[in-house]
Amino acid sequence: MAYFTKQEARNYAQRAKLATESYSSKLESIVESQNFQRQFDVFLSHSIRDAELVLGVANILKEMGQRVYIDWVVDKQLSRDSVTRETAETLRNRMKQSSRLLYLATDNASSSKWMPWELGYFDGLRSEKIAILPLVEYSSNSFNGQEYLGLYPALDKDGLRRFLG
C-alpha cells in the first residue's frame, strides 16, 4: 500500500497557493467555484490545525473532479471554539448534501472535538460511503489509527480513486 504522505499534501498545497494567499483564502476560492451547487461529493472531516494539509488534500480531490465541503471555508459563521446546536445542525445538513465522507487521519485528528461526531453521524446516513484517508510521513508507512477507525477502509492512492469512482 502506498498512502499519501504529509509532504505530498504540502506539495499540492504549495502548487495551489499563490505567494500572497493564505490557506484559508485559497481553499475558499476552490470551494467558491463549487459553492453554487450546494451538493458535495466529499465531506472532508479534518482538524482545523491541519490547514495546509487540508488545502493539499482538497486540491488532490479537486484534480480528481470532486466537489469538497470544508466547514470553515463554506460556513465561516460556524463556531469552532464551542459545540453549539447551530453548528451541529449546519454540519448535519452539509453531511446530508454530501455523497461521501473522508476522514483525514493526521496527528491532530485524535484531539478534534468534531471529527468523531461527524464520523458517527455520517455512519448513520451512509456507512458504506465512509473512508479514512491517512496522511503518513513515508508512503510505505503502515497506518494504525484509533481503534474505531478500523471500522472503515483506510485508503491508499489507488483506493482513493476507487472510492471516489
Protein backbone atom coordinates (compact mmCIF):
# COMPACT_ATOMS: atom_id res chain seq x y z
CA MET A 1 0.00 0.00 0.00
CA ALA A 2 1.20 3.48 -0.80
CA TYR A 3 -0.55 6.05 1.36
CA PHE A 4 -0.45 9.76 0.67
CA THR A 5 2.28 11.46 2.66
CA LYS A 6 2.10 14.71 4.53
CA GLN A 7 4.76 16.07 2.18
CA GLU A 8 2.68 15.19 -0.89
CA ALA A 9 -0.27 17.06 0.61
CA ARG A 10 2.01 20.03 1.35
CA ASN A 11 3.30 19.95 -2.23
CA TYR A 12 -0.27 20.06 -3.57
CA ALA A 13 -0.99 22.93 -1.18
CA GLN A 14 2.05 24.86 -2.38
CA ARG A 15 1.11 24.35 -6.03
CA ALA A 16 -2.37 25.65 -5.30
CA LYS A 17 -1.36 28.56 -3.10
CA LEU A 18 -0.20 31.87 -4.51
CA ALA A 19 2.51 33.59 -2.52
CA THR A 20 0.15 36.24 -1.21
CA GLU A 21 -2.79 33.99 -0.41
CA SER A 22 -3.46 32.30 2.89
CA TYR A 23 -4.52 28.66 3.03
CA SER A 24 -7.98 29.77 4.03
CA SER A 25 -8.40 32.16 1.09
CA LYS A 26 -7.09 29.59 -1.40
CA LEU A 27 -9.44 26.94 -0.03
CA GLU A 28 -12.22 29.49 -0.24
CA SER A 29 -11.55 30.03 -3.94
CA ILE A 30 -11.55 26.27 -4.59
CA VAL A 31 -14.84 25.77 -2.78
CA GLU A 32 -16.39 29.04 -4.01
CA SER A 33 -16.28 27.76 -7.57
CA GLN A 34 -18.33 24.76 -6.43
CA ASN A 35 -20.49 26.52 -3.86
CA PHE A 36 -23.46 27.33 -6.06
CA GLN A 37 -24.41 23.67 -6.31
CA ARG A 38 -24.82 23.03 -2.58
CA GLN A 39 -24.17 19.38 -3.27
CA PHE A 40 -20.80 17.93 -2.44
CA ASP A 41 -19.03 14.76 -3.49
CA VAL A 42 -16.88 14.71 -0.36
CA PHE A 43 -17.39 15.97 3.17
CA LEU A 44 -13.80 16.34 4.38
CA SER A 45 -13.66 15.63 8.10
CA HIS A 46 -10.43 17.16 9.42
CA SER A 47 -8.72 19.07 12.19
CA ILE A 48 -8.59 22.85 11.76
CA ARG A 49 -4.94 22.60 12.88
CA ASP A 50 -4.11 20.93 9.56
CA ALA A 51 -4.96 23.87 7.27
CA GLU A 52 -2.02 23.32 4.92
CA LEU A 53 -2.68 19.57 4.64
CA VAL A 54 -6.40 20.23 4.12
CA LEU A 55 -5.58 22.56 1.24
CA GLY A 56 -3.36 19.89 -0.31
CA VAL A 57 -5.98 17.16 0.02
CA ALA A 58 -8.71 19.50 -1.26
CA ASN A 59 -6.56 20.19 -4.31
CA ILE A 60 -5.93 16.46 -4.86
CA LEU A 61 -9.69 15.85 -4.70
CA LYS A 62 -10.44 18.81 -6.98
CA GLU A 63 -8.00 17.45 -9.57
CA MET A 64 -9.96 14.19 -9.36
CA GLY A 65 -13.13 16.13 -10.25
CA GLN A 66 -14.61 16.18 -6.74
CA ARG A 67 -16.64 18.93 -5.07
CA VAL A 68 -15.37 19.19 -1.49
CA TYR A 69 -17.08 20.53 1.62
CA ILE A 70 -14.75 22.14 4.15
CA ASP A 71 -16.67 23.65 7.04
CA TRP A 72 -14.51 26.67 7.87
CA VAL A 73 -14.41 27.65 4.20
CA VAL A 74 -18.04 27.23 3.17
CA ASP A 75 -19.66 28.08 6.51
CA LYS A 76 -17.38 30.69 8.05
CA GLN A 77 -20.02 31.73 10.56
CA LEU A 78 -19.78 28.45 12.48
CA SER A 79 -18.30 28.49 15.96
CA ARG A 80 -15.14 26.39 16.18
CA ASP A 81 -14.50 27.24 19.83
CA SER A 82 -17.54 25.55 21.32
CA VAL A 83 -20.11 22.95 20.46
CA THR A 84 -23.43 24.63 19.61
CA ARG A 85 -26.76 23.40 18.28
CA GLU A 86 -26.44 25.75 15.30
CA THR A 87 -23.06 24.37 14.30
CA ALA A 88 -24.27 20.79 14.71
CA GLU A 89 -27.38 21.46 12.61
CA THR A 90 -25.34 23.10 9.83
CA LEU A 91 -22.91 20.17 9.78
CA ARG A 92 -25.80 17.67 9.71
CA ASN A 93 -27.27 19.46 6.69
CA ARG A 94 -23.91 19.57 4.92
CA MET A 95 -23.37 15.86 5.51
CA LYS A 96 -26.81 15.17 4.03
CA GLN A 97 -25.70 17.18 0.97
CA SER A 98 -22.52 15.11 0.64
CA SER A 99 -22.16 11.77 -1.13
CA ARG A 100 -19.16 10.56 0.88
CA LEU A 101 -17.16 11.34 3.98
CA LEU A 102 -13.36 11.25 4.03
CA TYR A 103 -11.83 11.29 7.49
CA LEU A 104 -8.42 12.95 7.19
CA ALA A 105 -6.32 10.96 9.65
CA THR A 106 -3.44 13.07 10.93
CA ASP A 107 -1.72 13.51 14.28
CA ASN A 108 -4.19 16.32 15.07
CA ALA A 109 -7.31 14.27 14.29
CA SER A 110 -7.31 12.49 17.66
CA SER A 111 -7.70 15.81 19.51
CA SER A 112 -10.57 17.12 17.36
CA LYS A 113 -13.90 17.74 19.10
CA TRP A 114 -15.88 17.37 15.90
CA MET A 115 -14.30 14.58 13.84
CA PRO A 116 -15.59 11.60 15.86
CA TRP A 117 -19.05 13.17 15.94
CA GLU A 118 -19.01 13.76 12.16
CA LEU A 119 -17.91 10.18 11.57
CA GLY A 120 -20.67 8.80 13.79
CA TYR A 121 -23.37 10.98 12.25
CA PHE A 122 -22.37 10.13 8.69
CA ASP A 123 -22.22 6.45 9.63
CA GLY A 124 -25.93 6.70 10.41
CA LEU A 125 -26.57 8.25 6.99
CA ARG A 126 -24.39 6.19 4.64
CA SER A 127 -21.93 3.92 6.42
CA GLU A 128 -20.78 2.35 3.13
CA LYS A 129 -19.64 5.79 1.89
CA ILE A 130 -17.06 6.48 4.60
CA ALA A 131 -13.31 6.03 4.31
CA ILE A 132 -10.21 7.03 6.21
CA LEU A 133 -7.53 8.97 4.35
CA PRO A 134 -4.31 8.63 6.34
CA LEU A 135 -1.50 11.10 5.80
CA VAL A 136 1.75 9.45 6.85
CA GLU A 137 5.39 10.53 6.90
CA TYR A 138 6.50 7.99 4.26
CA SER A 139 4.26 6.30 1.68
CA SER A 140 5.42 2.87 2.82
CA ASN A 141 4.42 3.54 6.47
CA SER A 142 1.61 1.49 7.88
CA PHE A 143 -1.42 3.20 9.34
CA ASN A 144 -2.65 2.49 12.85
CA GLY A 145 -5.35 4.96 13.80
CA GLN A 146 -7.64 4.98 16.78
CA GLU A 147 -9.43 1.66 17.21
CA TYR A 148 -12.85 2.83 15.94
CA LEU A 149 -11.29 3.92 12.63
CA GLY A 150 -10.76 0.22 11.88
CA LEU A 151 -14.47 0.02 11.05
CA TYR A 152 -13.80 1.83 7.78
CA PRO A 153 -11.37 1.25 4.92
CA ALA A 154 -8.08 3.16 5.11
CA LEU A 155 -7.39 4.34 1.58
CA ASP A 156 -4.10 4.36 -0.22
CA LYS A 157 -3.72 6.27 -3.50
CA ASP A 158 -5.40 3.60 -5.64
CA GLY A 159 -8.08 3.02 -3.04
CA LEU A 160 -8.98 6.71 -3.06
CA ARG A 161 -9.56 6.62 -6.81
CA ARG A 162 -11.79 3.56 -6.47
CA PHE A 163 -13.70 5.07 -3.54
CA LEU A 164 -14.41 8.26 -5.48
CA GLY A 165 -15.21 6.48 -8.75
